[in-house]
Amino acid sequence: MKVVQVSAQRDYEGTVWTALFSSVEQALEVLRNQPADTFAGVDDLVVAWVGVDSDSYERVLDLSVNFQWGDSDTVSFSRWNNDTKQSEAFSF
Protein backbone atom coordinates (compact mmCIF):
# COMPACT_ATOMS: atom_id res chain seq x y z
CA MET A 1 0.00 0.00 0.00
CA LYS A 2 1.18 3.55 -0.78
CA VAL A 3 0.25 6.97 0.58
CA VAL A 4 1.24 10.48 -0.43
CA GLN A 5 3.64 12.13 1.99
CA VAL A 6 4.19 15.88 2.06
CA SER A 7 7.38 16.86 3.88
CA ALA A 8 8.21 20.45 4.73
CA GLN A 9 11.95 20.81 5.09
CA ARG A 10 14.35 23.43 6.34
CA ASP A 11 17.90 23.59 4.99
CA TYR A 12 20.44 22.03 7.37
CA GLU A 13 17.77 21.27 9.98
CA GLY A 14 15.70 18.56 8.33
CA THR A 15 11.98 18.00 8.36
CA VAL A 16 9.77 20.67 9.94
CA TRP A 17 6.46 18.82 9.48
CA THR A 18 5.00 15.91 7.54
CA ALA A 19 1.45 15.08 6.47
CA LEU A 20 -0.02 11.97 4.82
CA PHE A 21 -2.77 11.85 2.18
CA SER A 22 -4.51 9.27 0.04
CA SER A 23 -3.81 11.06 -3.28
CA VAL A 24 -1.64 13.79 -4.78
CA GLU A 25 -4.76 15.79 -5.63
CA GLN A 26 -5.90 15.71 -1.99
CA ALA A 27 -2.45 16.80 -0.80
CA LEU A 28 -2.35 19.74 -3.21
CA GLU A 29 -5.90 20.77 -2.26
CA VAL A 30 -4.98 20.86 1.43
CA LEU A 31 -1.76 22.79 0.71
CA ARG A 32 -3.66 25.28 -1.45
CA ASN A 33 -5.98 26.12 1.45
CA GLN A 34 -3.34 26.56 4.15
CA PRO A 35 -2.69 30.01 5.61
CA ALA A 36 0.62 31.51 4.46
CA ASP A 37 2.21 31.26 7.92
CA THR A 38 1.99 27.45 7.70
CA PHE A 39 5.06 27.76 5.47
CA ALA A 40 7.05 30.15 7.69
CA GLY A 41 10.56 28.78 8.09
CA VAL A 42 10.06 26.14 5.38
CA ASP A 43 12.58 26.06 2.52
CA ASP A 44 11.34 23.07 0.51
CA LEU A 45 8.20 20.96 0.09
CA VAL A 46 8.49 17.40 -1.17
CA VAL A 47 5.41 15.49 -2.34
CA ALA A 48 6.05 11.77 -2.79
CA TRP A 49 4.32 8.42 -2.93
CA VAL A 50 5.71 6.29 -0.09
CA GLY A 51 5.16 2.67 0.76
CA VAL A 52 3.41 1.96 4.04
CA ASP A 53 4.52 -1.67 4.12
CA SER A 54 7.58 -1.39 1.86
CA ASP A 55 10.58 0.83 1.18
CA SER A 56 9.13 2.23 -2.06
CA TYR A 57 9.50 5.96 -2.66
CA GLU A 58 8.52 7.96 -5.75
CA ARG A 59 9.03 11.73 -5.70
CA VAL A 60 6.17 13.53 -7.46
CA LEU A 61 6.91 17.19 -6.81
CA ASP A 62 9.79 19.15 -5.30
CA LEU A 63 9.04 22.81 -4.54
CA SER A 64 11.04 25.71 -3.15
CA VAL A 65 9.12 27.89 -0.72
CA ASN A 66 9.47 31.67 -0.43
CA PHE A 67 7.68 33.04 2.64
CA GLN A 68 7.51 36.83 3.08
CA TRP A 69 6.82 38.32 6.50
CA GLY A 70 4.79 41.51 6.52
CA ASP A 71 1.45 43.11 7.32
CA SER A 72 -0.12 40.32 5.29
CA ASP A 73 2.18 37.31 5.12
CA THR A 74 2.60 35.87 1.64
CA VAL A 75 4.01 32.63 0.29
CA SER A 76 5.05 31.64 -3.20
CA PHE A 77 6.34 28.39 -4.63
CA SER A 78 8.73 27.55 -7.44
CA ARG A 79 10.21 24.44 -9.01
CA TRP A 80 13.26 23.72 -11.11
CA ASN A 81 12.75 23.17 -14.83
CA ASN A 82 15.45 20.82 -16.16
CA ASP A 83 14.75 21.82 -19.76
CA THR A 84 15.31 25.56 -19.31
CA LYS A 85 17.69 25.20 -16.33
CA GLN A 86 15.69 27.85 -14.46
CA SER A 87 13.41 28.07 -11.48
CA GLU A 88 9.81 28.82 -12.43
CA ALA A 89 6.75 29.85 -10.42
CA PHE A 90 4.38 27.09 -9.37
CA SER A 91 0.80 27.51 -8.18
CA PHE A 92 -1.53 24.85 -6.87
PDB file of N, CA and C in Angstrom:
ATOM      1  N   MET A   1       0.843  -1.182   0.000  1.00  0.00           N
ATOM      2  CA  MET A   1       0.000   0.000   0.000  1.00  0.00           C
ATOM      3  C   MET A   1       0.885   1.242   0.000  1.00  0.00           C
ATOM      4  N   LYS A   2       0.441   2.286  -0.723  1.00  0.00           N
ATOM      5  CA  LYS A   2       1.178   3.546  -0.783  1.00  0.00           C
ATOM      6  C   LYS A   2       0.288   4.706  -0.341  1.00  0.00           C
ATOM      7  N   VAL A   3       0.916   5.718   0.222  1.00  0.00           N
ATOM      8  CA  VAL A   3       0.246   6.969   0.576  1.00  0.00           C
ATOM      9  C   VAL A   3       1.097   8.116   0.051  1.00  0.00           C
ATOM     10  N   VAL A   4       0.509   9.291  -0.021  1.00  0.00           N
ATOM     11  CA  VAL A   4       1.243  10.483  -0.429  1.00  0.00           C
ATOM     12  C   VAL A   4       1.737  11.187   0.826  1.00  0.00           C
ATOM     13  N   GLN A   5       3.028  11.431   0.858  1.00  0.00           N
ATOM     14  CA  GLN A   5       3.643  12.129   1.989  1.00  0.00           C
ATOM     15  C   GLN A   5       4.086  13.508   1.532  1.00  0.00           C
ATOM     16  N   VAL A   6       3.701  14.524   2.297  1.00  0.00           N
ATOM     17  CA  VAL A   6       4.189  15.878   2.064  1.00  0.00           C
ATOM     18  C   VAL A   6       5.136  16.197   3.215  1.00  0.00           C
ATOM     19  N   SER A   7       6.374  16.521   2.869  1.00  0.00           N
ATOM     20  CA  SER A   7       7.377  16.859   3.881  1.00  0.00           C
ATOM     21  C   SER A   7       7.815  18.304   3.686  1.00  0.00           C
ATOM     22  N   ALA A   8       7.715  19.075   4.734  1.00  0.00           N
ATOM     23  CA  ALA A   8       8.211  20.445   4.727  1.00  0.00           C
ATOM     24  C   ALA A   8       9.588  20.412   5.362  1.00  0.00           C
ATOM     25  N   GLN A   9      10.578  20.924   4.627  1.00  0.00           N
ATOM     26  CA  GLN A   9      11.950  20.808   5.092  1.00  0.00           C
ATOM     27  C   GLN A   9      12.621  22.163   5.197  1.00  0.00           C
ATOM     28  N   ARG A  10      13.555  22.239   6.130  1.00  0.00           N
ATOM     29  CA  ARG A  10      14.355  23.434   6.342  1.00  0.00           C
ATOM     30  C   ARG A  10      15.813  23.056   6.088  1.00  0.00           C
ATOM     31  N   ASP A  11      16.501  23.869   5.293  1.00  0.00           N
ATOM     32  CA  ASP A  11      17.901  23.589   4.993  1.00  0.00           C
ATOM     33  C   ASP A  11      18.701  23.370   6.277  1.00  0.00           C
ATOM     34  N   TYR A  12      19.510  22.359   6.284  1.00  0.00           N
ATOM     35  CA  TYR A  12      20.438  22.025   7.368  1.00  0.00           C
ATOM     36  C   TYR A  12      19.762  21.580   8.654  1.00  0.00           C
ATOM     37  N   GLU A  13      18.443  21.646   8.748  1.00  0.00           N
ATOM     38  CA  GLU A  13      17.766  21.265   9.981  1.00  0.00           C
ATOM     39  C   GLU A  13      16.838  20.081   9.802  1.00  0.00           C
ATOM     40  N   GLY A  14      16.537  19.729   8.571  1.00  0.00           N
ATOM     41  CA  GLY A  14      15.701  18.558   8.330  1.00  0.00           C
ATOM     42  C   GLY A  14      14.230  18.885   8.217  1.00  0.00           C
ATOM     43  N   THR A  15      13.422  17.902   8.541  1.00  0.00           N
ATOM     44  CA  THR A  15      11.978  18.000   8.362  1.00  0.00           C
ATOM     45  C   THR A  15      11.334  18.850   9.446  1.00  0.00           C
ATOM     46  N   VAL A  16      10.499  19.800   9.015  1.00  0.00           N
ATOM     47  CA  VAL A  16       9.765  20.671   9.935  1.00  0.00           C
ATOM     48  C   VAL A  16       8.431  20.030  10.290  1.00  0.00           C
ATOM     49  N   TRP A  17       7.718  19.546   9.264  1.00  0.00           N
ATOM     50  CA  TRP A  17       6.463  18.823   9.478  1.00  0.00           C
ATOM     51  C   TRP A  17       6.210  17.906   8.299  1.00  0.00           C
ATOM     52  N   THR A  18       5.371  16.904   8.559  1.00  0.00           N
ATOM     53  CA  THR A  18       5.000  15.912   7.544  1.00  0.00           C
ATOM     54  C   THR A  18       3.505  15.660   7.650  1.00  0.00           C
ATOM     55  N   ALA A  19       2.868  15.429   6.497  1.00  0.00           N
ATOM     56  CA  ALA A  19       1.448  15.077   6.474  1.00  0.00           C
ATOM     57  C   ALA A  19       1.254  13.960   5.457  1.00  0.00           C
ATOM     58  N   LEU A  20       0.276  13.097   5.705  1.00  0.00           N
ATOM     59  CA  LEU A  20      -0.022  11.973   4.817  1.00  0.00           C
ATOM     60  C   LEU A  20      -1.403  12.141   4.194  1.00  0.00           C
ATOM     61  N   PHE A  21      -1.521  11.728   2.921  1.00  0.00           N
ATOM     62  CA  PHE A  21      -2.772  11.854   2.180  1.00  0.00           C
ATOM     63  C   PHE A  21      -2.981  10.606   1.335  1.00  0.00           C
ATOM     64  N   SER A  22      -4.202  10.437   0.861  1.00  0.00           N
ATOM     65  CA  SER A  22      -4.507   9.270   0.037  1.00  0.00           C
ATOM     66  C   SER A  22      -4.238   9.506  -1.446  1.00  0.00           C
ATOM     67  N   SER A  23      -4.099  10.774  -1.875  1.00  0.00           N
ATOM     68  CA  SER A  23      -3.815  11.064  -3.282  1.00  0.00           C
ATOM     69  C   SER A  23      -3.031  12.372  -3.390  1.00  0.00           C
ATOM     70  N   VAL A  24      -2.370  12.545  -4.515  1.00  0.00           N
ATOM     71  CA  VAL A  24      -1.642  13.790  -4.777  1.00  0.00           C
ATOM     72  C   VAL A  24      -2.624  14.948  -4.858  1.00  0.00           C
ATOM     73  N   GLU A  25      -3.758  14.736  -5.499  1.00  0.00           N
ATOM     74  CA  GLU A  25      -4.760  15.793  -5.628  1.00  0.00           C
ATOM     75  C   GLU A  25      -5.245  16.276  -4.264  1.00  0.00           C
ATOM     76  N   GLN A  26      -5.467  15.343  -3.344  1.00  0.00           N
ATOM     77  CA  GLN A  26      -5.901  15.708  -1.993  1.00  0.00           C
ATOM     78  C   GLN A  26      -4.802  16.504  -1.288  1.00  0.00           C
ATOM     79  N   ALA A  27      -3.565  16.085  -1.427  1.00  0.00           N
ATOM     80  CA  ALA A  27      -2.447  16.798  -0.800  1.00  0.00           C
ATOM     81  C   ALA A  27      -2.354  18.233  -1.322  1.00  0.00           C
ATOM     82  N   LEU A  28      -2.440  18.401  -2.636  1.00  0.00           N
ATOM     83  CA  LEU A  28      -2.355  19.740  -3.213  1.00  0.00           C
ATOM     84  C   LEU A  28      -3.533  20.609  -2.809  1.00  0.00           C
ATOM     85  N   GLU A  29      -4.715  20.020  -2.709  1.00  0.00           N
ATOM     86  CA  GLU A  29      -5.898  20.769  -2.263  1.00  0.00           C
ATOM     87  C   GLU A  29      -5.713  21.281  -0.836  1.00  0.00           C
ATOM     88  N   VAL A  30      -5.208  20.446   0.040  1.00  0.00           N
ATOM     89  CA  VAL A  30      -4.977  20.863   1.428  1.00  0.00           C
ATOM     90  C   VAL A  30      -3.906  21.946   1.478  1.00  0.00           C
ATOM     91  N   LEU A  31      -2.816  21.773   0.737  1.00  0.00           N
ATOM     92  CA  LEU A  31      -1.759  22.791   0.710  1.00  0.00           C
ATOM     93  C   LEU A  31      -2.271  24.116   0.170  1.00  0.00           C
ATOM     94  N   ARG A  32      -3.101  24.074  -0.836  1.00  0.00           N
ATOM     95  CA  ARG A  32      -3.661  25.276  -1.452  1.00  0.00           C
ATOM     96  C   ARG A  32      -4.459  26.101  -0.438  1.00  0.00           C
ATOM     97  N   ASN A  33      -5.096  25.435   0.501  1.00  0.00           N
ATOM     98  CA  ASN A  33      -5.980  26.116   1.447  1.00  0.00           C
ATOM     99  C   ASN A  33      -5.340  26.421   2.796  1.00  0.00           C
ATOM    100  N   GLN A  34      -4.039  26.246   2.905  1.00  0.00           N
ATOM    101  CA  GLN A  34      -3.343  26.558   4.155  1.00  0.00           C
ATOM    102  C   GLN A  34      -3.058  28.050   4.250  1.00  0.00           C
ATOM    103  N   PRO A  35      -3.100  28.606   5.460  1.00  0.00           N
ATOM    104  CA  PRO A  35      -2.692  30.010   5.611  1.00  0.00           C
ATOM    105  C   PRO A  35      -1.190  30.129   5.319  1.00  0.00           C
ATOM    106  N   ALA A  36      -0.782  31.299   4.862  1.00  0.00           N
ATOM    107  CA  ALA A  36       0.618  31.508   4.463  1.00  0.00           C
ATOM    108  C   ALA A  36       1.594  31.172   5.578  1.00  0.00           C
ATOM    109  N   ASP A  37       1.249  31.488   6.827  1.00  0.00           N
ATOM    110  CA  ASP A  37       2.208  31.261   7.920  1.00  0.00           C
ATOM    111  C   ASP A  37       2.467  29.777   8.205  1.00  0.00           C
ATOM    112  N   THR A  38       1.699  28.881   7.603  1.00  0.00           N
ATOM    113  CA  THR A  38       1.991  27.448   7.698  1.00  0.00           C
ATOM    114  C   THR A  38       3.372  27.159   7.123  1.00  0.00           C
ATOM    115  N   PHE A  39       3.809  27.983   6.174  1.00  0.00           N
ATOM    116  CA  PHE A  39       5.064  27.755   5.469  1.00  0.00           C
ATOM    117  C   PHE A  39       6.209  28.624   5.990  1.00  0.00           C
ATOM    118  N   ALA A  40       5.988  29.333   7.092  1.00  0.00           N
ATOM    119  CA  ALA A  40       7.051  30.146   7.685  1.00  0.00           C
ATOM    120  C   ALA A  40       8.195  29.232   8.123  1.00  0.00           C
ATOM    121  N   GLY A  41       9.388  29.568   7.723  1.00  0.00           N
ATOM    122  CA  GLY A  41      10.561  28.781   8.091  1.00  0.00           C
ATOM    123  C   GLY A  41      10.789  27.548   7.235  1.00  0.00           C
ATOM    124  N   VAL A  42       9.920  27.303   6.260  1.00  0.00           N
ATOM    125  CA  VAL A  42      10.063  26.140   5.384  1.00  0.00           C
ATOM    126  C   VAL A  42      10.833  26.571   4.139  1.00  0.00           C
ATOM    127  N   ASP A  43      11.816  25.774   3.731  1.00  0.00           N
ATOM    128  CA  ASP A  43      12.578  26.060   2.519  1.00  0.00           C
ATOM    129  C   ASP A  43      12.103  25.230   1.333  1.00  0.00           C
ATOM    130  N   ASP A  44      11.718  23.981   1.587  1.00  0.00           N
ATOM    131  CA  ASP A  44      11.339  23.070   0.509  1.00  0.00           C
ATOM    132  C   ASP A  44      10.141  22.221   0.911  1.00  0.00           C
ATOM    133  N   LEU A  45       9.300  21.913  -0.079  1.00  0.00           N
ATOM    134  CA  LEU A  45       8.200  20.960   0.088  1.00  0.00           C
ATOM    135  C   LEU A  45       8.452  19.800  -0.872  1.00  0.00           C
ATOM    136  N   VAL A  46       8.334  18.593  -0.350  1.00  0.00           N
ATOM    137  CA  VAL A  46       8.488  17.401  -1.175  1.00  0.00           C
ATOM    138  C   VAL A  46       7.203  16.598  -1.092  1.00  0.00           C
ATOM    139  N   VAL A  47       6.613  16.317  -2.250  1.00  0.00           N
ATOM    140  CA  VAL A  47       5.412  15.491  -2.340  1.00  0.00           C
ATOM    141  C   VAL A  47       5.848  14.176  -2.981  1.00  0.00           C
ATOM    142  N   ALA A  48       5.586  13.070  -2.285  1.00  0.00           N
ATOM    143  CA  ALA A  48       6.049  11.773  -2.793  1.00  0.00           C
ATOM    144  C   ALA A  48       5.094  10.659  -2.400  1.00  0.00           C
ATOM    145  N   TRP A  49       5.007   9.655  -3.275  1.00  0.00           N
ATOM    146  CA  TRP A  49       4.318   8.415  -2.930  1.00  0.00           C
ATOM    147  C   TRP A  49       5.288   7.589  -2.103  1.00  0.00           C
ATOM    148  N   VAL A  50       4.852   7.122  -0.937  1.00  0.00           N
ATOM    149  CA  VAL A  50       5.708   6.293  -0.087  1.00  0.00           C
ATOM    150  C   VAL A  50       4.971   5.003   0.261  1.00  0.00           C
ATOM    151  N   GLY A  51       5.737   3.956   0.396  1.00  0.00           N
ATOM    152  CA  GLY A  51       5.157   2.669   0.763  1.00  0.00           C
ATOM    153  C   GLY A  51       4.913   2.588   2.251  1.00  0.00           C
ATOM    154  N   VAL A  52       3.742   2.141   2.628  1.00  0.00           N
ATOM    155  CA  VAL A  52       3.412   1.961   4.041  1.00  0.00           C
ATOM    156  C   VAL A  52       4.033   0.665   4.552  1.00  0.00           C
ATOM    157  N   ASP A  53       3.997  -0.360   3.716  1.00  0.00           N
ATOM    158  CA  ASP A  53       4.519  -1.667   4.122  1.00  0.00           C
ATOM    159  C   ASP A  53       5.716  -2.091   3.265  1.00  0.00           C
ATOM    160  N   SER A  54       6.395  -1.102   2.660  1.00  0.00           N
ATOM    161  CA  SER A  54       7.582  -1.388   1.863  1.00  0.00           C
ATOM    162  C   SER A  54       8.491  -0.159   1.881  1.00  0.00           C
ATOM    163  N   ASP A  55       9.639  -0.282   1.243  1.00  0.00           N
ATOM    164  CA  ASP A  55      10.584   0.834   1.181  1.00  0.00           C
ATOM    165  C   ASP A  55      10.421   1.659  -0.093  1.00  0.00           C
ATOM    166  N   SER A  56       9.298   1.506  -0.798  1.00  0.00           N
ATOM    167  CA  SER A  56       9.127   2.228  -2.062  1.00  0.00           C
ATOM    168  C   SER A  56       8.981   3.733  -1.814  1.00  0.00           C
ATOM    169  N   TYR A  57       9.525   4.500  -2.751  1.00  0.00           N
ATOM    170  CA  TYR A  57       9.504   5.957  -2.657  1.00  0.00           C
ATOM    171  C   TYR A  57       9.543   6.514  -4.068  1.00  0.00           C
ATOM    172  N   GLU A  58       8.574   7.355  -4.423  1.00  0.00           N
ATOM    173  CA  GLU A  58       8.524   7.963  -5.746  1.00  0.00           C
ATOM    174  C   GLU A  58       8.210   9.445  -5.601  1.00  0.00           C
ATOM    175  N   ARG A  59       9.206  10.284  -5.831  1.00  0.00           N
ATOM    176  CA  ARG A  59       9.028  11.729  -5.701  1.00  0.00           C
ATOM    177  C   ARG A  59       8.143  12.232  -6.836  1.00  0.00           C
ATOM    178  N   VAL A  60       7.113  13.000  -6.480  1.00  0.00           N
ATOM    179  CA  VAL A  60       6.173  13.534  -7.456  1.00  0.00           C
ATOM    180  C   VAL A  60       6.461  15.003  -7.734  1.00  0.00           C
ATOM    181  N   LEU A  61       6.764  15.745  -6.690  1.00  0.00           N
ATOM    182  CA  LEU A  61       6.911  17.190  -6.807  1.00  0.00           C
ATOM    183  C   LEU A  61       7.911  17.685  -5.774  1.00  0.00           C
ATOM    184  N   ASP A  62       8.798  18.560  -6.185  1.00  0.00           N
ATOM    185  CA  ASP A  62       9.787  19.153  -5.296  1.00  0.00           C
ATOM    186  C   ASP A  62       9.708  20.664  -5.474  1.00  0.00           C
ATOM    187  N   LEU A  63       9.265  21.369  -4.445  1.00  0.00           N
ATOM    188  CA  LEU A  63       9.037  22.809  -4.544  1.00  0.00           C
ATOM    189  C   LEU A  63       9.921  23.592  -3.591  1.00  0.00           C
ATOM    190  N   SER A  64      10.379  24.751  -4.034  1.00  0.00           N
ATOM    191  CA  SER A  64      11.044  25.709  -3.155  1.00  0.00           C
ATOM    192  C   SER A  64       9.972  26.650  -2.625  1.00  0.00           C
ATOM    193  N   VAL A  65      10.113  27.036  -1.375  1.00  0.00           N
ATOM    194  CA  VAL A  65       9.123  27.890  -0.716  1.00  0.00           C
ATOM    195  C   VAL A  65       9.751  29.244  -0.418  1.00  0.00           C
ATOM    196  N   ASN A  66       9.024  30.318  -0.734  1.00  0.00           N
ATOM    197  CA  ASN A  66       9.469  31.666  -0.426  1.00  0.00           C
ATOM    198  C   ASN A  66       8.383  32.336   0.412  1.00  0.00           C
ATOM    199  N   PHE A  67       8.625  32.420   1.719  1.00  0.00           N
ATOM    200  CA  PHE A  67       7.679  33.039   2.644  1.00  0.00           C
ATOM    201  C   PHE A  67       8.131  34.456   2.942  1.00  0.00           C
ATOM    202  N   GLN A  68       7.216  35.414   2.824  1.00  0.00           N
ATOM    203  CA  GLN A  68       7.510  36.827   3.083  1.00  0.00           C
ATOM    204  C   GLN A  68       6.727  37.309   4.294  1.00  0.00           C
ATOM    205  N   TRP A  69       7.461  37.734   5.333  1.00  0.00           N
ATOM    206  CA  TRP A  69       6.819  38.316   6.504  1.00  0.00           C
ATOM    207  C   TRP A  69       6.339  39.706   6.145  1.00  0.00           C
ATOM    208  N   GLY A  70       5.271  40.155   6.765  1.00  0.00           N
ATOM    209  CA  GLY A  70       4.790  41.509   6.525  1.00  0.00           C
ATOM    210  C   GLY A  70       3.428  41.711   7.152  1.00  0.00           C
ATOM    211  N   ASP A  71       2.791  42.836   6.808  1.00  0.00           N
ATOM    212  CA  ASP A  71       1.454  43.111   7.324  1.00  0.00           C
ATOM    213  C   ASP A  71       0.494  41.997   6.925  1.00  0.00           C
ATOM    214  N   SER A  72       0.626  41.521   5.697  1.00  0.00           N
ATOM    215  CA  SER A  72      -0.117  40.324   5.295  1.00  0.00           C
ATOM    216  C   SER A  72       0.923  39.345   4.748  1.00  0.00           C
ATOM    217  N   ASP A  73       1.179  38.289   5.510  1.00  0.00           N
ATOM    218  CA  ASP A  73       2.179  37.306   5.121  1.00  0.00           C
ATOM    219  C   ASP A  73       1.820  36.706   3.771  1.00  0.00           C
ATOM    220  N   THR A  74       2.825  36.485   2.938  1.00  0.00           N
ATOM    221  CA  THR A  74       2.596  35.865   1.636  1.00  0.00           C
ATOM    222  C   THR A  74       3.570  34.709   1.441  1.00  0.00           C
ATOM    223  N   VAL A  75       3.153  33.767   0.621  1.00  0.00           N
ATOM    224  CA  VAL A  75       4.009  32.635   0.293  1.00  0.00           C
ATOM    225  C   VAL A  75       3.911  32.372  -1.202  1.00  0.00           C
ATOM    226  N   SER A  76       5.044  32.033  -1.793  1.00  0.00           N
ATOM    227  CA  SER A  76       5.052  31.641  -3.199  1.00  0.00           C
ATOM    228  C   SER A  76       5.906  30.381  -3.333  1.00  0.00           C
ATOM    229  N   PHE A  77       5.656  29.661  -4.408  1.00  0.00           N
ATOM    230  CA  PHE A  77       6.337  28.387  -4.634  1.00  0.00           C
ATOM    231  C   PHE A  77       6.980  28.405  -6.014  1.00  0.00           C
ATOM    232  N   SER A  78       8.082  27.691  -6.141  1.00  0.00           N
ATOM    233  CA  SER A  78       8.732  27.548  -7.442  1.00  0.00           C
ATOM    234  C   SER A  78       9.308  26.143  -7.547  1.00  0.00           C
ATOM    235  N   ARG A  79       9.572  25.739  -8.793  1.00  0.00           N
ATOM    236  CA  ARG A  79      10.212  24.440  -9.009  1.00  0.00           C
ATOM    237  C   ARG A  79      11.224  24.581 -10.134  1.00  0.00           C
ATOM    238  N   TRP A  80      12.192  23.695 -10.134  1.00  0.00           N
ATOM    239  CA  TRP A  80      13.262  23.723 -11.107  1.00  0.00           C
ATOM    240  C   TRP A  80      12.806  23.066 -12.404  1.00  0.00           C
ATOM    241  N   ASN A  81      13.072  23.713 -13.512  1.00  0.00           N
ATOM    242  CA  ASN A  81      12.753  23.172 -14.826  1.00  0.00           C
ATOM    243  C   ASN A  81      14.064  22.691 -15.449  1.00  0.00           C
ATOM    244  N   ASN A  82      14.217  21.388 -15.616  1.00  0.00           N
ATOM    245  CA  ASN A  82      15.451  20.821 -16.163  1.00  0.00           C
ATOM    246  C   ASN A  82      15.676  21.206 -17.618  1.00  0.00           C
ATOM    247  N   ASP A  83      14.613  21.458 -18.354  1.00  0.00           N
ATOM    248  CA  ASP A  83      14.754  21.818 -19.764  1.00  0.00           C
ATOM    249  C   ASP A  83      15.356  23.210 -19.932  1.00  0.00           C
ATOM    250  N   THR A  84      14.837  24.174 -19.180  1.00  0.00           N
ATOM    251  CA  THR A  84      15.307  25.556 -19.309  1.00  0.00           C
ATOM    252  C   THR A  84      16.424  25.884 -18.324  1.00  0.00           C
ATOM    253  N   LYS A  85      16.671  24.990 -17.374  1.00  0.00           N
ATOM    254  CA  LYS A  85      17.693  25.203 -16.329  1.00  0.00           C
ATOM    255  C   LYS A  85      17.414  26.469 -15.524  1.00  0.00           C
ATOM    256  N   GLN A  86      16.107  26.679 -15.234  1.00  0.00           N
ATOM    257  CA  GLN A  86      15.695  27.846 -14.457  1.00  0.00           C
ATOM    258  C   GLN A  86      14.601  27.449 -13.477  1.00  0.00           C
ATOM    259  N   SER A  87      14.496  28.243 -12.436  1.00  0.00           N
ATOM    260  CA  SER A  87      13.407  28.072 -11.484  1.00  0.00           C
ATOM    261  C   SER A  87      12.194  28.806 -12.042  1.00  0.00           C
ATOM    262  N   GLU A  88      11.020  28.174 -11.933  1.00  0.00           N
ATOM    263  CA  GLU A  88       9.805  28.819 -12.434  1.00  0.00           C
ATOM    264  C   GLU A  88       8.707  28.750 -11.382  1.00  0.00           C
ATOM    265  N   ALA A  89       7.851  29.759 -11.394  1.00  0.00           N
ATOM    266  CA  ALA A  89       6.754  29.848 -10.424  1.00  0.00           C
ATOM    267  C   ALA A  89       5.840  28.637 -10.550  1.00  0.00           C
ATOM    268  N   PHE A  90       5.326  28.213  -9.403  1.00  0.00           N
ATOM    269  CA  PHE A  90       4.377  27.088  -9.365  1.00  0.00           C
ATOM    270  C   PHE A  90       3.204  27.518  -8.505  1.00  0.00           C
ATOM    271  N   SER A  91       1.993  27.249  -8.995  1.00  0.00           N
ATOM    272  CA  SER A  91       0.797  27.509  -8.179  1.00  0.00           C
ATOM    273  C   SER A  91      -0.036  26.250  -8.153  1.00  0.00           C
ATOM    274  N   PHE A  92      -0.725  26.054  -7.064  1.00  0.00           N
ATOM    275  CA  PHE A  92      -1.525  24.847  -6.873  1.00  0.00           C
ATOM    276  C   PHE A  92      -2.783  24.941  -7.676  1.00  0.00           C
TER     277      PHE A  92
END
